[in-house]
Amino acid sequence: MQKEDSIKGGKKFQISITGRQHNTWQGDIIERERTIPFSSELELIFLIEGLLEQSSKQKDVI
């Protein structure tokens, strides 16, 4: 399963679910040329939150 998400500020990333073990998802977040693996839904949420914070800080600088 893959989903591309776009946030109001134009931040785009792709979430790829590659497996499911111990009742949780594993997969990758793909942002531009960077791939960030995750091993649980909670980790996925933290990674997305971090990406959005980075995007917000970059806008403040520009």
PDB file of N, CA and C in Angstrom:
ATOM      1  N   MET A   1       0.847  -1.172   0.000  1.00  0.00           N
ATOM      2  CA  MET A   1       0.000   0.000   0.000  1.00  0.00           C
ATOM      3  C   MET A   1       0.893   1.236   0.000  1.00  0.00           C
ATOM      4  N   GLN A   2       0.556   2.213  -0.830  1.00  0.00           N
ATOM      5  CA  GLN A   2       1.304   3.450  -0.876  1.00  0.00           C
ATOM      6  C   GLN A   2       0.337   4.615  -0.851  1.00  0.00           C
ATOM      7  N   LYS A   3       0.772   5.681  -0.205  1.00  0.00           N
ATOM      8  CA  LYS A   3      -0.062   6.882  -0.157  1.00  0.00           C
ATOM      9  C   LYS A   3       0.860   8.074  -0.246  1.00  0.00           C
ATOM     10  N   GLU A   4       0.538   8.996  -1.130  1.00  0.00           N
ATOM     11  CA  GLU A   4       1.297  10.233  -1.212  1.00  0.00           C
ATOM     12  C   GLU A   4       0.503  11.303  -0.503  1.00  0.00           C
ATOM     13  N   ASP A   5       1.166  12.032   0.379  1.00  0.00           N
ATOM     14  CA  ASP A   5       0.478  13.031   1.175  1.00  0.00           C
ATOM     15  C   ASP A   5       1.087  14.398   0.893  1.00  0.00           C
ATOM     16  N   SER A   6       0.262  15.390   0.760  1.00  0.00           N
ATOM     17  CA  SER A   6       0.720  16.754   0.541  1.00  0.00           C
ATOM     18  C   SER A   6       0.125  17.630   1.633  1.00  0.00           C
ATOM     19  N   ILE A   7       0.971  18.347   2.308  1.00  0.00           N
ATOM     20  CA  ILE A   7       0.555  19.220   3.393  1.00  0.00           C
ATOM     21  C   ILE A   7       0.352  20.634   2.838  1.00  0.00           C
ATOM     22  N   LYS A   8      -0.401  21.473   3.511  1.00  0.00           N
ATOM     23  CA  LYS A   8      -0.727  22.819   3.041  1.00  0.00           C
ATOM     24  C   LYS A   8       0.489  23.562   2.488  1.00  0.00           C
ATOM     25  N   GLY A   9       1.620  23.464   3.162  1.00  0.00           N
ATOM     26  CA  GLY A   9       2.809  24.193   2.758  1.00  0.00           C
ATOM     27  C   GLY A   9       3.521  23.591   1.567  1.00  0.00           C
ATOM     28  N   GLY A  10       2.980  22.550   0.970  1.00  0.00           N
ATOM     29  CA  GLY A  10       3.611  21.963  -0.192  1.00  0.00           C
ATOM     30  C   GLY A  10       4.567  20.835   0.147  1.00  0.00           C
ATOM     31  N   LYS A  11       4.649  20.439   1.388  1.00  0.00           N
ATOM     32  CA  LYS A  11       5.522  19.335   1.796  1.00  0.00           C
ATOM     33  C   LYS A  11       4.932  18.040   1.271  1.00  0.00           C
ATOM     34  N   LYS A  12       5.723  17.297   0.494  1.00  0.00           N
ATOM     35  CA  LYS A  12       5.240  16.038  -0.064  1.00  0.00           C
ATOM     36  C   LYS A  12       6.135  14.900   0.378  1.00  0.00           C
ATOM     37  N   PHE A  13       5.499  13.783   0.682  1.00  0.00           N
ATOM     38  CA  PHE A  13       6.235  12.566   0.981  1.00  0.00           C
ATOM     39  C   PHE A  13       5.346  11.387   0.662  1.00  0.00           C
ATOM     40  N   GLN A  14       5.973  10.249   0.490  1.00  0.00           N
ATOM     41  CA  GLN A  14       5.253   9.027   0.155  1.00  0.00           C
ATOM     42  C   GLN A  14       5.451   8.035   1.292  1.00  0.00           C
ATOM     43  N   ILE A  15       4.379   7.370   1.676  1.00  0.00           N
ATOM     44  CA  ILE A  15       4.450   6.349   2.720  1.00  0.00           C
ATOM     45  C   ILE A  15       4.236   4.998   2.056  1.00  0.00           C
ATOM     46  N   SER A  16       5.190   4.114   2.242  1.00  0.00           N
ATOM     47  CA  SER A  16       5.106   2.779   1.665  1.00  0.00           C
ATOM     48  C   SER A  16       5.088   1.755   2.796  1.00  0.00           C
ATOM     49  N   ILE A  17       3.991   1.022   2.926  1.00  0.00           N
ATOM     50  CA  ILE A  17       3.873  -0.028   3.942  1.00  0.00           C
ATOM     51  C   ILE A  17       4.401  -1.312   3.308  1.00  0.00           C
ATOM     52  N   THR A  18       5.459  -1.865   3.861  1.00  0.00           N
ATOM     53  CA  THR A  18       6.088  -3.044   3.260  1.00  0.00           C
ATOM     54  C   THR A  18       5.783  -4.335   4.016  1.00  0.00           C
ATOM     55  N   GLY A  19       5.295  -4.215   5.243  1.00  0.00           N
ATOM     56  CA  GLY A  19       5.003  -5.420   5.995  1.00  0.00           C
ATOM     57  C   GLY A  19       4.210  -5.134   7.250  1.00  0.00           C
ATOM     58  N   ARG A  20       3.854  -6.226   7.912  1.00  0.00           N
ATOM     59  CA  ARG A  20       3.119  -6.106   9.170  1.00  0.00           C
ATOM     60  C   ARG A  20       3.543  -7.255  10.072  1.00  0.00           C
ATOM     61  N   GLN A  21       4.130  -6.924  11.211  1.00  0.00           N
ATOM     62  CA  GLN A  21       4.534  -7.927  12.188  1.00  0.00           C
ATOM     63  C   GLN A  21       4.160  -7.431  13.570  1.00  0.00           C
ATOM     64  N   HIS A  22       3.805  -8.358  14.440  1.00  0.00           N
ATOM     65  CA  HIS A  22       3.470  -8.020  15.829  1.00  0.00           C
ATOM     66  C   HIS A  22       2.405  -6.928  15.891  1.00  0.00           C
ATOM     67  N   ASN A  23       1.402  -7.027  15.018  1.00  0.00           N
ATOM     68  CA  ASN A  23       0.275  -6.091  14.972  1.00  0.00           C
ATOM     69  C   ASN A  23       0.674  -4.638  14.741  1.00  0.00           C
ATOM     70  N   THR A  24       1.739  -4.409  13.985  1.00  0.00           N
ATOM     71  CA  THR A  24       2.140  -3.047  13.656  1.00  0.00           C
ATOM     72  C   THR A  24       2.721  -3.017  12.247  1.00  0.00           C
ATOM     73  N   TRP A  25       2.701  -1.846  11.623  1.00  0.00           N
ATOM     74  CA  TRP A  25       3.196  -1.692  10.249  1.00  0.00           C
ATOM     75  C   TRP A  25       4.688  -1.444  10.236  1.00  0.00           C
ATOM     76  N   GLN A  26       5.327  -1.891   9.176  1.00  0.00           N
ATOM     77  CA  GLN A  26       6.709  -1.534   8.873  1.00  0.00           C
ATOM     78  C   GLN A  26       6.713  -0.988   7.451  1.00  0.00           C
ATOM     79  N   GLY A  27       7.626  -0.067   7.180  1.00  0.00           N
ATOM     80  CA  GLY A  27       7.700   0.490   5.838  1.00  0.00           C
ATOM     81  C   GLY A  27       8.693   1.628   5.754  1.00  0.00           C
ATOM     82  N   ASP A  28       8.461   2.493   4.776  1.00  0.00           N
ATOM     83  CA  ASP A  28       9.369   3.608   4.506  1.00  0.00           C
ATOM     84  C   ASP A  28       8.576   4.873   4.240  1.00  0.00           C
ATOM     85  N   ILE A  29       9.178   5.999   4.620  1.00  0.00           N
ATOM     86  CA  ILE A  29       8.704   7.311   4.193  1.00  0.00           C
ATOM     87  C   ILE A  29       9.723   7.779   3.169  1.00  0.00           C
ATOM     88  N   ILE A  30       9.232   8.161   2.009  1.00  0.00           N
ATOM     89  CA  ILE A  30      10.125   8.626   0.951  1.00  0.00           C
ATOM     90  C   ILE A  30       9.856  10.106   0.739  1.00  0.00           C
ATOM     91  N   GLU A  31      10.897  10.908   0.982  1.00  0.00           N
ATOM     92  CA  GLU A  31      10.799  12.357   0.829  1.00  0.00           C
ATOM     93  C   GLU A  31      11.921  12.785  -0.099  1.00  0.00           C
ATOM     94  N   ARG A  32      11.551  13.299  -1.245  1.00  0.00           N
ATOM     95  CA  ARG A  32      12.528  13.658  -2.276  1.00  0.00           C
ATOM     96  C   ARG A  32      13.410  12.448  -2.564  1.00  0.00           C
ATOM     97  N   GLU A  33      14.698  12.551  -2.315  1.00  0.00           N
ATOM     98  CA  GLU A  33      15.621  11.439  -2.576  1.00  0.00           C
ATOM     99  C   GLU A  33      15.975  10.679  -1.306  1.00  0.00           C
ATOM    100  N   ARG A  34      15.347  11.018  -0.198  1.00  0.00           N
ATOM    101  CA  ARG A  34      15.666  10.415   1.102  1.00  0.00           C
ATOM    102  C   ARG A  34      14.612   9.381   1.474  1.00  0.00           C
ATOM    103  N   THR A  35      15.071   8.213   1.933  1.00  0.00           N
ATOM    104  CA  THR A  35      14.167   7.158   2.396  1.00  0.00           C
ATOM    105  C   THR A  35      14.406   6.937   3.881  1.00  0.00           C
ATOM    106  N   ILE A  36      13.332   7.008   4.659  1.00  0.00           N
ATOM    107  CA  ILE A  36      13.417   6.854   6.112  1.00  0.00           C
ATOM    108  C   ILE A  36      12.577   5.638   6.512  1.00  0.00           C
ATOM    109  N   PRO A  37      13.213   4.577   7.011  1.00  0.00           N
ATOM    110  CA  PRO A  37      12.442   3.399   7.421  1.00  0.00           C
ATOM    111  C   PRO A  37      11.768   3.603   8.778  1.00  0.00           C
ATOM    112  N   PHE A  38      10.638   2.923   8.990  1.00  0.00           N
ATOM    113  CA  PHE A  38       9.974   2.915  10.291  1.00  0.00           C
ATOM    114  C   PHE A  38       9.533   1.496  10.608  1.00  0.00           C
ATOM    115  N   SER A  39       9.402   1.194  11.904  1.00  0.00           N
ATOM    116  CA  SER A  39       9.067  -0.171  12.306  1.00  0.00           C
ATOM    117  C   SER A  39       7.774  -0.254  13.127  1.00  0.00           C
ATOM    118  N   SER A  40       7.065   0.870  13.271  1.00  0.00           N
ATOM    119  CA  SER A  40       5.779   0.850  13.971  1.00  0.00           C
ATOM    120  C   SER A  40       4.981   2.092  13.590  1.00  0.00           C
ATOM    121  N   GLU A  41       3.677   2.033  13.844  1.00  0.00           N
ATOM    122  CA  GLU A  41       2.831   3.190  13.555  1.00  0.00           C
ATOM    123  C   GLU A  41       3.239   4.395  14.401  1.00  0.00           C
ATOM    124  N   LEU A  42       3.615   4.156  15.635  1.00  0.00           N
ATOM    125  CA  LEU A  42       4.032   5.253  16.511  1.00  0.00           C
ATOM    126  C   LEU A  42       5.284   5.934  15.962  1.00  0.00           C
ATOM    127  N   GLU A  43       6.247   5.139  15.522  1.00  0.00           N
ATOM    128  CA  GLU A  43       7.457   5.709  14.927  1.00  0.00           C
ATOM    129  C   GLU A  43       7.107   6.489  13.663  1.00  0.00           C
ATOM    130  N   LEU A  44       6.164   5.975  12.872  1.00  0.00           N
ATOM    131  CA  LEU A  44       5.716   6.674  11.666  1.00  0.00           C
ATOM    132  C   LEU A  44       5.161   8.052  12.024  1.00  0.00           C
ATOM    133  N   ILE A  45       4.342   8.124  13.055  1.00  0.00           N
ATOM    134  CA  ILE A  45       3.768   9.404  13.482  1.00  0.00           C
ATOM    135  C   ILE A  45       4.865  10.378  13.903  1.00  0.00           C
ATOM    136  N   PHE A  46       5.840   9.899  14.676  1.00  0.00           N
ATOM    137  CA  PHE A  46       6.941  10.767  15.110  1.00  0.00           C
ATOM    138  C   PHE A  46       7.754  11.267  13.920  1.00  0.00           C
ATOM    139  N   LEU A  47       8.000  10.400  12.934  1.00  0.00           N
ATOM    140  CA  LEU A  47       8.762  10.801  11.749  1.00  0.00           C
ATOM    141  C   LEU A  47       8.003  11.853  10.942  1.00  0.00           C
ATOM    142  N   ILE A  48       6.705  11.658  10.763  1.00  0.00           N
ATOM    143  CA  ILE A  48       5.902  12.640  10.031  1.00  0.00           C
ATOM    144  C   ILE A  48       5.911  13.972  10.767  1.00  0.00           C
ATOM    145  N   GLU A  49       5.763  13.924  12.079  1.00  0.00           N
ATOM    146  CA  GLU A  49       5.800  15.145  12.882  1.00  0.00           C
ATOM    147  C   GLU A  49       7.140  15.874  12.696  1.00  0.00           C
ATOM    148  N   GLY A  50       8.237  15.121  12.701  1.00  0.00           N
ATOM    149  CA  GLY A  50       9.555  15.709  12.503  1.00  0.00           C
ATOM    150  C   GLY A  50       9.709  16.337  11.122  1.00  0.00           C
ATOM    151  N   LEU A  51       9.201  15.674  10.100  1.00  0.00           N
ATOM    152  CA  LEU A  51       9.265  16.227   8.746  1.00  0.00           C
ATOM    153  C   LEU A  51       8.481  17.528   8.647  1.00  0.00           C
ATOM    154  N   LEU A  52       7.325  17.572   9.285  1.00  0.00           N
ATOM    155  CA  LEU A  52       6.509  18.781   9.246  1.00  0.00           C
ATOM    156  C   LEU A  52       7.171  19.928  10.013  1.00  0.00           C
ATOM    157  N   GLU A  53       7.821  19.605  11.132  1.00  0.00           N
ATOM    158  CA  GLU A  53       8.540  20.640  11.890  1.00  0.00           C
ATOM    159  C   GLU A  53       9.695  21.199  11.076  1.00  0.00           C
ATOM    160  N   GLN A  54      10.431  20.326  10.376  1.00  0.00           N
ATOM    161  CA  GLN A  54      11.534  20.772   9.519  1.00  0.00           C
ATOM    162  C   GLN A  54      11.013  21.709   8.445  1.00  0.00           C
ATOM    163  N   SER A  55       9.885  21.344   7.847  1.00  0.00           N
ATOM    164  CA  SER A  55       9.286  22.156   6.795  1.00  0.00           C
ATOM    165  C   SER A  55       8.893  23.526   7.331  1.00  0.00           C
ATOM    166  N   SER A  56       8.328  23.537   8.530  1.00  0.00           N
ATOM    167  CA  SER A  56       7.908  24.784   9.153  1.00  0.00           C
ATOM    168  C   SER A  56       9.116  25.675   9.448  1.00  0.00           C
ATOM    169  N   LYS A  57      10.198  25.100   9.950  1.00  0.00           N
ATOM    170  CA  LYS A  57      11.399  25.878  10.256  1.00  0.00           C
ATOM    171  C   LYS A  57      12.034  26.430   8.999  1.00  0.00           C
ATOM    172  N   GLN A  58      12.017  25.664   7.905  1.00  0.00           N
ATOM    173  CA  GLN A  58      12.587  26.146   6.649  1.00  0.00           C
ATOM    174  C   GLN A  58      11.794  27.324   6.116  1.00  0.00           C
ATOM    175  N   LYS A  59      10.494  27.327   6.283  1.00  0.00           N
ATOM    176  CA  LYS A  59       9.671  28.445   5.825  1.00  0.00           C
ATOM    177  C   LYS A  59       9.953  29.701   6.640  1.00  0.00           C
ATOM    178  N   ASP A  60      10.229  29.517   7.936  1.00  0.00           N
ATOM    179  CA  ASP A  60      10.529  30.667   8.784  1.00  0.00           C
ATOM    180  C   ASP A  60      11.823  31.338   8.372  1.00  0.00           C
ATOM    181  N   VAL A  61      12.782  30.562   7.872  1.00  0.00           N
ATOM    182  CA  VAL A  61      14.082  31.090   7.471  1.00  0.00           C
ATOM    183  C   VAL A  61      13.967  31.837   6.159  1.00  0.00           C
ATOM    184  N   ILE A  62      13.114  31.356   5.265  1.00  0.00           N
ATOM    185  CA  ILE A  62      12.988  31.964   3.920  1.00  0.00           C
ATOM    186  C   ILE A  62      12.238  33.231   3.951  1.00  0.00           C
TER     187      ILE A  62
END
